[in-house]
Amino acid sequence: EEVADSRWFTGSGIYRDVTLEISDPRGFRAEGVFVTTEAVAKDGTATLRVRYETEGASAAELILADAQGKQVACATAQGAVGEAELQVTAPKLWGPEHPELYTLTAHALCGQTVVDEVTIPVGIRTLRFDADHGFFLNGESVKLRGVCVHHDAGALGAAVPKAVWRRRLQKFKEMGCNALRTAHN
């Protein structure tokens, strides 16, 4: 007897976005730009640290813009590998109910020539884990309530349409989830 069980159906072929990038070989390494929120001071100023790695550029220019595209901070760092701080006055903090995002544009430079450009969405927020009091997001205690979710969508396989993910995530939020553990295989 055959059973119509779709639990392990993954389909076949390419099931994630694929991007072919042609760039100057001196540009940023794959995943070569990383942003962290170092602190948000009591006066509201946020300090972000940007670390980068290139394959031979001489410097990096880092520009942070708000959701409206207005530049709010910038810095230049020297070297093929380096880091810089960005100061943001009165930032809009990222949180589950207000997912405020900024955009970091990083330029790899050889002299004055831009040889590569990377853009990264950035959420400014503070995270703190305390063994006695739990998890804190932007200074507020948050109880993590989550589920484990595989990358596939049952009979739809592994090429899950974005609308399905949108519906799934909305349903999780409606049932009180604020954390996801992705696959365990």
N, C-alpha and C. Protein backbone atom coordinates (compact mmCIF):
# COMPACT_ATOMS: atom_id res chain seq x y z
N GLU A 1 0.85 -1.18 0.00
CA GLU A 1 0.00 0.00 0.00
C GLU A 1 0.89 1.24 0.00
N GLU A 2 0.60 2.19 -0.88
CA GLU A 2 1.37 3.42 -0.95
C GLU A 2 0.72 4.46 -0.05
N VAL A 3 1.59 5.24 0.59
CA VAL A 3 1.11 6.31 1.46
C VAL A 3 1.56 7.64 0.88
N ALA A 4 0.66 8.58 0.78
CA ALA A 4 1.00 9.90 0.25
C ALA A 4 1.61 10.74 1.36
N ASP A 5 2.87 10.53 1.62
CA ASP A 5 3.58 11.24 2.68
C ASP A 5 4.57 12.21 2.05
N SER A 6 4.42 13.48 2.33
CA SER A 6 5.28 14.48 1.70
C SER A 6 6.35 15.02 2.64
N ARG A 7 6.51 14.47 3.81
CA ARG A 7 7.42 15.04 4.80
C ARG A 7 8.84 15.22 4.28
N TRP A 8 9.35 14.26 3.51
CA TRP A 8 10.74 14.35 3.08
C TRP A 8 10.89 14.73 1.62
N PHE A 9 9.83 15.24 1.01
CA PHE A 9 9.91 15.65 -0.38
C PHE A 9 10.65 16.97 -0.47
N THR A 10 11.76 17.00 -1.18
CA THR A 10 12.49 18.26 -1.31
C THR A 10 12.48 18.77 -2.74
N GLY A 11 11.94 18.01 -3.66
CA GLY A 11 11.98 18.44 -5.05
C GLY A 11 13.38 18.25 -5.58
N SER A 12 13.73 18.96 -6.62
CA SER A 12 15.07 18.84 -7.16
C SER A 12 15.46 20.14 -7.83
N GLY A 13 16.70 20.22 -8.20
CA GLY A 13 17.18 21.41 -8.89
C GLY A 13 17.56 22.52 -7.92
N ILE A 14 17.66 23.71 -8.43
CA ILE A 14 18.05 24.88 -7.62
C ILE A 14 16.83 25.34 -6.86
N TYR A 15 16.95 25.43 -5.53
CA TYR A 15 15.78 25.83 -4.75
C TYR A 15 16.04 27.03 -3.86
N ARG A 16 17.11 27.78 -4.11
CA ARG A 16 17.36 29.05 -3.43
C ARG A 16 17.78 30.06 -4.49
N ASP A 17 17.67 31.34 -4.15
CA ASP A 17 18.11 32.37 -5.08
C ASP A 17 19.57 32.16 -5.44
N VAL A 18 19.88 32.38 -6.69
CA VAL A 18 21.26 32.28 -7.16
C VAL A 18 21.62 33.61 -7.79
N THR A 19 22.78 34.11 -7.42
CA THR A 19 23.26 35.37 -7.97
C THR A 19 24.63 35.15 -8.57
N LEU A 20 24.80 35.56 -9.79
CA LEU A 20 26.11 35.53 -10.42
C LEU A 20 26.68 36.93 -10.31
N GLU A 21 27.77 37.04 -9.61
CA GLU A 21 28.37 38.35 -9.40
C GLU A 21 29.71 38.41 -10.12
N ILE A 22 29.83 39.40 -10.97
CA ILE A 22 31.09 39.64 -11.67
C ILE A 22 31.65 40.92 -11.09
N SER A 23 32.79 40.81 -10.45
CA SER A 23 33.36 41.99 -9.80
C SER A 23 34.87 41.99 -9.91
N ASP A 24 35.44 43.09 -9.57
CA ASP A 24 36.89 43.23 -9.55
C ASP A 24 37.45 42.23 -8.54
N PRO A 25 38.48 41.49 -8.88
CA PRO A 25 39.02 40.49 -7.95
C PRO A 25 39.59 41.10 -6.66
N ARG A 26 39.77 42.40 -6.62
CA ARG A 26 40.28 43.05 -5.41
C ARG A 26 39.16 43.42 -4.44
N GLY A 27 37.93 43.10 -4.79
CA GLY A 27 36.77 43.51 -4.00
C GLY A 27 36.61 42.75 -2.69
N PHE A 28 35.45 42.93 -2.07
CA PHE A 28 35.15 42.30 -0.80
C PHE A 28 35.09 40.79 -0.94
N ARG A 29 35.58 40.09 0.06
CA ARG A 29 35.43 38.64 0.10
C ARG A 29 33.96 38.31 0.32
N ALA A 30 33.58 37.08 -0.02
CA ALA A 30 32.20 36.65 0.24
C ALA A 30 31.94 36.78 1.74
N GLU A 31 30.84 37.39 2.10
CA GLU A 31 30.50 37.66 3.50
C GLU A 31 31.60 38.48 4.17
N GLY A 32 32.24 39.34 3.40
CA GLY A 32 33.40 40.08 3.88
C GLY A 32 33.10 41.40 4.58
N VAL A 33 31.83 41.74 4.76
CA VAL A 33 31.47 42.96 5.49
C VAL A 33 30.52 42.54 6.60
N PHE A 34 30.85 42.92 7.85
CA PHE A 34 30.07 42.49 9.00
C PHE A 34 29.84 43.68 9.92
N VAL A 35 28.59 43.90 10.32
CA VAL A 35 28.21 45.05 11.15
C VAL A 35 27.66 44.58 12.49
N THR A 36 28.12 45.20 13.58
CA THR A 36 27.56 44.93 14.89
C THR A 36 27.23 46.25 15.59
N THR A 37 26.21 46.21 16.43
CA THR A 37 25.92 47.34 17.30
C THR A 37 26.77 47.16 18.55
N GLU A 38 27.71 48.04 18.75
CA GLU A 38 28.59 47.95 19.92
C GLU A 38 27.87 48.44 21.18
N ALA A 39 27.13 49.54 21.05
CA ALA A 39 26.45 50.11 22.21
C ALA A 39 25.43 51.16 21.77
N VAL A 40 24.44 51.36 22.62
CA VAL A 40 23.55 52.50 22.49
C VAL A 40 23.64 53.22 23.82
N ALA A 41 24.22 54.41 23.80
CA ALA A 41 24.47 55.17 25.02
C ALA A 41 23.17 55.75 25.59
N LYS A 42 23.24 56.18 26.84
CA LYS A 42 22.06 56.75 27.51
C LYS A 42 21.54 57.98 26.78
N ASP A 43 22.44 58.71 26.08
CA ASP A 43 21.99 59.89 25.32
C ASP A 43 21.36 59.49 23.99
N GLY A 44 21.32 58.17 23.70
CA GLY A 44 20.68 57.68 22.49
C GLY A 44 21.60 57.47 21.31
N THR A 45 22.86 57.86 21.42
CA THR A 45 23.80 57.68 20.32
C THR A 45 24.21 56.21 20.22
N ALA A 46 24.15 55.68 19.01
CA ALA A 46 24.54 54.29 18.78
C ALA A 46 25.93 54.24 18.16
N THR A 47 26.71 53.26 18.60
CA THR A 47 28.02 53.01 18.01
C THR A 47 27.96 51.67 17.30
N LEU A 48 28.23 51.70 16.00
CA LEU A 48 28.28 50.48 15.20
C LEU A 48 29.73 50.21 14.81
N ARG A 49 30.11 48.94 14.79
CA ARG A 49 31.44 48.55 14.33
C ARG A 49 31.26 47.78 13.03
N VAL A 50 32.02 48.19 12.03
CA VAL A 50 32.00 47.52 10.73
C VAL A 50 33.38 46.91 10.51
N ARG A 51 33.39 45.60 10.30
CA ARG A 51 34.63 44.89 9.96
C ARG A 51 34.52 44.47 8.50
N TYR A 52 35.65 44.53 7.79
CA TYR A 52 35.61 44.15 6.38
C TYR A 52 36.90 43.44 5.99
N GLU A 53 36.78 42.64 4.94
CA GLU A 53 37.93 41.95 4.34
C GLU A 53 37.80 42.04 2.83
N THR A 54 38.86 42.47 2.17
CA THR A 54 38.89 42.50 0.71
C THR A 54 39.98 41.56 0.22
N GLU A 55 40.04 41.43 -1.08
CA GLU A 55 41.08 40.60 -1.70
C GLU A 55 42.23 41.46 -2.21
N GLY A 56 42.38 42.65 -1.65
CA GLY A 56 43.51 43.47 -2.07
C GLY A 56 43.20 44.93 -2.30
N ALA A 57 42.02 45.38 -1.91
CA ALA A 57 41.72 46.81 -2.01
C ALA A 57 42.58 47.57 -1.00
N SER A 58 42.70 48.87 -1.18
CA SER A 58 43.55 49.66 -0.29
C SER A 58 42.78 50.33 0.84
N ALA A 59 41.45 50.39 0.72
CA ALA A 59 40.63 51.05 1.74
C ALA A 59 39.18 50.67 1.56
N ALA A 60 38.36 51.07 2.53
CA ALA A 60 36.91 50.86 2.42
C ALA A 60 36.20 52.13 2.87
N GLU A 61 35.19 52.51 2.12
CA GLU A 61 34.32 53.63 2.48
C GLU A 61 33.00 53.04 2.93
N LEU A 62 32.51 53.46 4.08
CA LEU A 62 31.32 52.88 4.69
C LEU A 62 30.28 53.98 4.91
N ILE A 63 29.10 53.81 4.33
CA ILE A 63 28.05 54.82 4.41
C ILE A 63 26.78 54.17 4.93
N LEU A 64 26.23 54.73 6.01
CA LEU A 64 24.99 54.22 6.59
C LEU A 64 23.87 55.20 6.29
N ALA A 65 22.75 54.67 5.74
CA ALA A 65 21.60 55.51 5.41
C ALA A 65 20.37 54.98 6.14
N ASP A 66 19.45 55.89 6.47
CA ASP A 66 18.21 55.48 7.12
C ASP A 66 17.23 54.94 6.09
N ALA A 67 16.03 54.59 6.53
CA ALA A 67 15.03 53.98 5.65
C ALA A 67 14.60 54.90 4.51
N GLN A 68 14.78 56.20 4.68
CA GLN A 68 14.43 57.16 3.64
C GLN A 68 15.61 57.44 2.70
N GLY A 69 16.76 56.79 2.95
CA GLY A 69 17.93 56.97 2.10
C GLY A 69 18.83 58.11 2.52
N LYS A 70 18.53 58.76 3.64
CA LYS A 70 19.35 59.87 4.13
C LYS A 70 20.59 59.33 4.84
N GLN A 71 21.76 59.83 4.46
CA GLN A 71 23.01 59.40 5.10
C GLN A 71 23.03 59.86 6.55
N VAL A 72 23.29 58.92 7.47
CA VAL A 72 23.32 59.24 8.89
C VAL A 72 24.69 59.06 9.50
N ALA A 73 25.60 58.36 8.81
CA ALA A 73 26.96 58.17 9.31
C ALA A 73 27.84 57.68 8.16
N CYS A 74 29.13 57.98 8.27
CA CYS A 74 30.07 57.47 7.28
C CYS A 74 31.47 57.41 7.89
N ALA A 75 32.31 56.58 7.31
CA ALA A 75 33.69 56.45 7.76
C ALA A 75 34.50 55.84 6.62
N THR A 76 35.80 56.07 6.66
CA THR A 76 36.73 55.44 5.73
C THR A 76 37.79 54.75 6.55
N ALA A 77 38.14 53.54 6.15
CA ALA A 77 39.17 52.77 6.85
C ALA A 77 40.23 52.36 5.83
N GLN A 78 41.48 52.33 6.27
CA GLN A 78 42.58 51.99 5.39
C GLN A 78 42.94 50.51 5.51
N GLY A 79 43.37 49.93 4.41
CA GLY A 79 43.85 48.56 4.42
C GLY A 79 42.91 47.60 3.72
N ALA A 80 43.47 46.46 3.29
CA ALA A 80 42.68 45.42 2.64
C ALA A 80 41.73 44.75 3.63
N VAL A 81 42.12 44.73 4.90
CA VAL A 81 41.31 44.21 5.99
C VAL A 81 41.28 45.29 7.05
N GLY A 82 40.12 45.55 7.61
CA GLY A 82 40.08 46.59 8.63
C GLY A 82 38.73 46.69 9.29
N GLU A 83 38.61 47.76 10.08
CA GLU A 83 37.34 48.03 10.76
C GLU A 83 37.22 49.52 11.01
N ALA A 84 35.99 49.93 11.24
CA ALA A 84 35.70 51.34 11.52
C ALA A 84 34.48 51.43 12.40
N GLU A 85 34.35 52.55 13.09
CA GLU A 85 33.16 52.82 13.91
C GLU A 85 32.29 53.84 13.21
N LEU A 86 30.99 53.65 13.34
CA LEU A 86 30.02 54.62 12.87
C LEU A 86 29.21 55.09 14.07
N GLN A 87 29.02 56.38 14.20
CA GLN A 87 28.21 56.96 15.27
C GLN A 87 26.87 57.42 14.67
N VAL A 88 25.78 56.97 15.27
CA VAL A 88 24.45 57.33 14.78
C VAL A 88 23.71 58.05 15.89
N THR A 89 23.34 59.29 15.62
CA THR A 89 22.62 60.10 16.59
C THR A 89 21.12 59.78 16.52
N ALA A 90 20.51 59.55 17.66
CA ALA A 90 19.07 59.27 17.77
C ALA A 90 18.61 58.19 16.79
N PRO A 91 19.20 56.99 16.87
CA PRO A 91 18.80 55.93 15.95
C PRO A 91 17.41 55.38 16.26
N LYS A 92 16.76 54.87 15.23
CA LYS A 92 15.51 54.14 15.43
C LYS A 92 15.93 52.70 15.66
N LEU A 93 15.63 52.17 16.83
CA LEU A 93 16.07 50.82 17.19
C LEU A 93 15.18 49.76 16.55
N TRP A 94 15.84 48.66 16.14
CA TRP A 94 15.14 47.52 15.58
C TRP A 94 14.50 46.72 16.71
N GLY A 95 13.28 46.25 16.49
CA GLY A 95 12.59 45.37 17.42
C GLY A 95 11.51 44.62 16.67
N PRO A 96 10.97 43.57 17.25
CA PRO A 96 9.96 42.76 16.56
C PRO A 96 8.72 43.54 16.14
N GLU A 97 8.30 44.49 16.94
CA GLU A 97 7.11 45.27 16.61
C GLU A 97 7.41 46.46 15.71
N HIS A 98 8.67 46.89 15.69
CA HIS A 98 9.11 48.03 14.86
C HIS A 98 10.45 47.67 14.22
N PRO A 99 10.41 46.86 13.17
CA PRO A 99 11.66 46.38 12.56
C PRO A 99 12.35 47.45 11.70
N GLU A 100 12.84 48.49 12.36
CA GLU A 100 13.51 49.60 11.68
C GLU A 100 14.83 49.13 11.09
N LEU A 101 15.04 49.40 9.80
CA LEU A 101 16.28 49.01 9.16
C LEU A 101 16.98 50.19 8.51
N TYR A 102 18.29 50.13 8.59
CA TYR A 102 19.18 51.06 7.90
C TYR A 102 19.85 50.27 6.78
N THR A 103 20.55 50.96 5.90
CA THR A 103 21.30 50.30 4.84
C THR A 103 22.75 50.75 4.89
N LEU A 104 23.66 49.79 5.00
CA LEU A 104 25.09 50.09 4.94
C LEU A 104 25.55 49.83 3.51
N THR A 105 26.16 50.83 2.92
CA THR A 105 26.80 50.67 1.61
C THR A 105 28.29 50.73 1.84
N ALA A 106 28.97 49.66 1.45
CA ALA A 106 30.43 49.58 1.62
C ALA A 106 31.08 49.58 0.25
N HIS A 107 32.05 50.47 0.07
CA HIS A 107 32.81 50.54 -1.17
C HIS A 107 34.23 50.08 -0.90
N ALA A 108 34.72 49.12 -1.68
CA ALA A 108 36.13 48.74 -1.64
C ALA A 108 36.86 49.67 -2.60
N LEU A 109 37.92 50.29 -2.11
CA LEU A 109 38.64 51.29 -2.90
C LEU A 109 40.06 50.85 -3.23
N CYS A 110 40.49 51.17 -4.42
CA CYS A 110 41.90 51.09 -4.81
C CYS A 110 42.25 52.50 -5.24
N GLY A 111 42.97 53.20 -4.36
CA GLY A 111 43.17 54.64 -4.57
C GLY A 111 41.83 55.32 -4.39
N GLN A 112 41.39 56.07 -5.40
CA GLN A 112 40.09 56.75 -5.36
C GLN A 112 39.02 55.97 -6.15
N THR A 113 39.42 54.83 -6.73
CA THR A 113 38.51 54.06 -7.57
C THR A 113 37.73 53.03 -6.76
N VAL A 114 36.41 53.03 -6.93
CA VAL A 114 35.56 52.02 -6.29
C VAL A 114 35.66 50.75 -7.12
N VAL A 115 36.16 49.66 -6.51
CA VAL A 115 36.31 48.39 -7.23
C VAL A 115 35.22 47.38 -6.86
N ASP A 116 34.46 47.66 -5.81
CA ASP A 116 33.38 46.76 -5.41
C ASP A 116 32.43 47.52 -4.50
N GLU A 117 31.17 47.12 -4.52
CA GLU A 117 30.16 47.73 -3.65
C GLU A 117 29.28 46.64 -3.08
N VAL A 118 29.03 46.72 -1.78
CA VAL A 118 28.16 45.78 -1.09
C VAL A 118 27.14 46.59 -0.30
N THR A 119 25.86 46.17 -0.31
CA THR A 119 24.86 46.81 0.53
C THR A 119 24.30 45.77 1.49
N ILE A 120 24.12 46.19 2.74
CA ILE A 120 23.68 45.29 3.80
C ILE A 120 22.59 45.97 4.62
N PRO A 121 21.45 45.29 4.85
CA PRO A 121 20.46 45.85 5.78
C PRO A 121 21.00 45.74 7.21
N VAL A 122 20.76 46.78 7.99
CA VAL A 122 21.29 46.84 9.36
C VAL A 122 20.17 47.22 10.32
N GLY A 123 20.00 46.42 11.36
CA GLY A 123 19.09 46.75 12.44
C GLY A 123 19.92 47.16 13.65
N ILE A 124 19.71 48.36 14.14
CA ILE A 124 20.44 48.84 15.31
C ILE A 124 19.68 48.41 16.55
N ARG A 125 20.34 47.59 17.39
CA ARG A 125 19.69 47.09 18.61
C ARG A 125 20.75 46.58 19.55
N THR A 126 20.37 46.50 20.82
CA THR A 126 21.27 45.91 21.81
C THR A 126 20.70 44.58 22.26
N LEU A 127 21.59 43.64 22.48
CA LEU A 127 21.24 42.31 22.96
C LEU A 127 22.03 42.01 24.21
N ARG A 128 21.38 41.42 25.20
CA ARG A 128 22.10 41.04 26.43
C ARG A 128 21.48 39.77 26.98
N PHE A 129 22.33 38.81 27.27
CA PHE A 129 21.90 37.57 27.91
C PHE A 129 22.41 37.58 29.34
N ASP A 130 21.54 37.34 30.30
CA ASP A 130 21.89 37.33 31.72
C ASP A 130 21.48 35.98 32.29
N ALA A 131 22.43 35.27 32.89
CA ALA A 131 22.16 33.92 33.41
C ALA A 131 21.04 33.91 34.44
N ASP A 132 20.87 34.99 35.18
CA ASP A 132 19.84 35.04 36.23
C ASP A 132 18.52 35.65 35.77
N HIS A 133 18.58 36.54 34.77
CA HIS A 133 17.38 37.29 34.40
C HIS A 133 16.93 37.11 32.96
N GLY A 134 17.68 36.35 32.15
CA GLY A 134 17.22 36.05 30.79
C GLY A 134 17.76 36.97 29.72
N PHE A 135 17.00 37.08 28.65
CA PHE A 135 17.38 37.81 27.45
C PHE A 135 16.78 39.21 27.47
N PHE A 136 17.58 40.19 27.03
CA PHE A 136 17.14 41.58 26.97
C PHE A 136 17.40 42.13 25.57
N LEU A 137 16.37 42.70 24.96
CA LEU A 137 16.47 43.35 23.66
C LEU A 137 16.21 44.83 23.88
N ASN A 138 17.18 45.65 23.52
CA ASN A 138 17.09 47.10 23.72
C ASN A 138 16.76 47.45 25.17
N GLY A 139 17.34 46.68 26.09
CA GLY A 139 17.17 46.94 27.52
C GLY A 139 15.90 46.38 28.12
N GLU A 140 15.04 45.78 27.32
CA GLU A 140 13.78 45.23 27.83
C GLU A 140 13.84 43.71 27.87
N SER A 141 13.34 43.12 28.94
CA SER A 141 13.30 41.67 29.09
C SER A 141 12.36 41.07 28.05
N VAL A 142 12.84 40.05 27.34
CA VAL A 142 12.03 39.37 26.33
C VAL A 142 12.12 37.87 26.58
N LYS A 143 10.97 37.25 26.72
CA LYS A 143 10.91 35.79 26.86
C LYS A 143 10.89 35.21 25.45
N LEU A 144 11.86 34.36 25.13
CA LEU A 144 11.90 33.76 23.81
C LEU A 144 10.93 32.59 23.74
N ARG A 145 10.01 32.66 22.76
CA ARG A 145 9.02 31.61 22.53
C ARG A 145 9.12 31.24 21.05
N GLY A 146 9.58 30.02 20.79
CA GLY A 146 9.82 29.70 19.39
C GLY A 146 9.48 28.29 19.00
N VAL A 147 9.71 28.02 17.73
CA VAL A 147 9.46 26.73 17.13
C VAL A 147 10.66 26.38 16.24
N CYS A 148 10.75 25.10 15.88
CA CYS A 148 11.76 24.64 14.93
C CYS A 148 11.08 24.51 13.57
N VAL A 149 11.69 25.07 12.55
CA VAL A 149 11.11 25.07 11.21
C VAL A 149 12.13 24.54 10.21
N HIS A 150 11.72 23.54 9.43
CA HIS A 150 12.59 23.04 8.37
C HIS A 150 12.57 24.01 7.19
N HIS A 151 13.53 23.87 6.33
CA HIS A 151 13.63 24.78 5.20
C HIS A 151 12.62 24.47 4.09
N ASP A 152 12.03 23.31 4.13
CA ASP A 152 11.09 22.95 3.08
C ASP A 152 9.66 23.26 3.52
N ALA A 153 8.72 23.07 2.59
CA ALA A 153 7.31 23.32 2.91
C ALA A 153 6.47 22.12 2.48
N GLY A 154 6.77 20.97 3.07
CA GLY A 154 5.98 19.77 2.81
C GLY A 154 5.89 19.44 1.34
N ALA A 155 4.68 19.35 0.82
CA ALA A 155 4.47 18.97 -0.57
C ALA A 155 5.01 19.98 -1.56
N LEU A 156 5.28 21.20 -1.12
CA LEU A 156 5.85 22.21 -2.02
C LEU A 156 7.34 21.99 -2.22
N GLY A 157 7.94 21.18 -1.38
CA GLY A 157 9.37 20.91 -1.50
C GLY A 157 10.22 22.02 -0.92
N ALA A 158 11.47 22.10 -1.38
CA ALA A 158 12.43 23.04 -0.82
C ALA A 158 12.38 24.41 -1.49
N ALA A 159 11.76 24.50 -2.67
CA ALA A 159 11.65 25.79 -3.36
C ALA A 159 10.40 26.50 -2.84
N VAL A 160 10.48 26.99 -1.63
CA VAL A 160 9.31 27.57 -0.95
C VAL A 160 9.08 29.00 -1.45
N PRO A 161 7.90 29.27 -2.04
CA PRO A 161 7.61 30.62 -2.50
C PRO A 161 7.60 31.61 -1.32
N LYS A 162 7.99 32.83 -1.58
CA LYS A 162 8.05 33.85 -0.51
C LYS A 162 6.69 34.07 0.14
N ALA A 163 5.62 33.95 -0.64
CA ALA A 163 4.28 34.12 -0.06
C ALA A 163 3.99 33.06 1.00
N VAL A 164 4.50 31.84 0.80
CA VAL A 164 4.31 30.78 1.79
C VAL A 164 5.08 31.13 3.07
N TRP A 165 6.32 31.61 2.92
CA TRP A 165 7.09 32.02 4.11
C TRP A 165 6.40 33.18 4.83
N ARG A 166 5.88 34.13 4.06
CA ARG A 166 5.21 35.27 4.67
C ARG A 166 4.02 34.79 5.51
N ARG A 167 3.21 33.87 4.93
CA ARG A 167 2.05 33.34 5.65
C ARG A 167 2.49 32.56 6.89
N ARG A 168 3.51 31.72 6.74
CA ARG A 168 4.02 30.94 7.87
C ARG A 168 4.46 31.85 9.01
N LEU A 169 5.28 32.83 8.66
CA LEU A 169 5.81 33.72 9.70
C LEU A 169 4.71 34.52 10.38
N GLN A 170 3.71 34.95 9.60
CA GLN A 170 2.58 35.67 10.18
C GLN A 170 1.81 34.77 11.15
N LYS A 171 1.59 33.51 10.78
CA LYS A 171 0.89 32.56 11.65
C LYS A 171 1.69 32.31 12.93
N PHE A 172 3.01 32.15 12.80
CA PHE A 172 3.85 31.97 14.00
C PHE A 172 3.72 33.17 14.92
N LYS A 173 3.76 34.38 14.34
CA LYS A 173 3.66 35.60 15.15
C LYS A 173 2.30 35.66 15.85
N GLU A 174 1.24 35.31 15.13
CA GLU A 174 -0.11 35.32 15.71
C GLU A 174 -0.24 34.35 16.88
N MET A 175 0.51 33.23 16.84
CA MET A 175 0.43 32.28 17.95
C MET A 175 1.41 32.59 19.07
N GLY A 176 2.11 33.73 18.96
CA GLY A 176 2.98 34.17 20.05
C GLY A 176 4.46 33.89 19.88
N CYS A 177 4.86 33.33 18.76
CA CYS A 177 6.29 33.05 18.54
C CYS A 177 7.06 34.34 18.26
N ASN A 178 8.24 34.41 18.82
CA ASN A 178 9.14 35.51 18.52
C ASN A 178 10.56 35.01 18.24
N ALA A 179 10.70 33.69 18.05
CA ALA A 179 12.00 33.10 17.75
C ALA A 179 11.81 31.86 16.87
N LEU A 180 12.77 31.61 15.98
CA LEU A 180 12.74 30.44 15.12
C LEU A 180 14.08 29.72 15.21
N ARG A 181 14.01 28.41 15.23
CA ARG A 181 15.20 27.58 15.08
C ARG A 181 15.06 26.96 13.71
N THR A 182 16.01 27.22 12.83
CA THR A 182 15.88 26.72 11.47
C THR A 182 16.53 25.35 11.37
N ALA A 183 15.77 24.40 10.86
CA ALA A 183 16.18 23.01 10.62
C ALA A 183 17.16 22.45 11.64
N HIS A 184 17.24 21.16 11.67
CA HIS A 184 18.18 20.51 12.57
C HIS A 184 18.76 19.27 11.90
N ASN A 185 18.78 19.31 10.57
CA ASN A 185 19.26 18.14 9.85
C ASN A 185 20.67 18.37 9.32
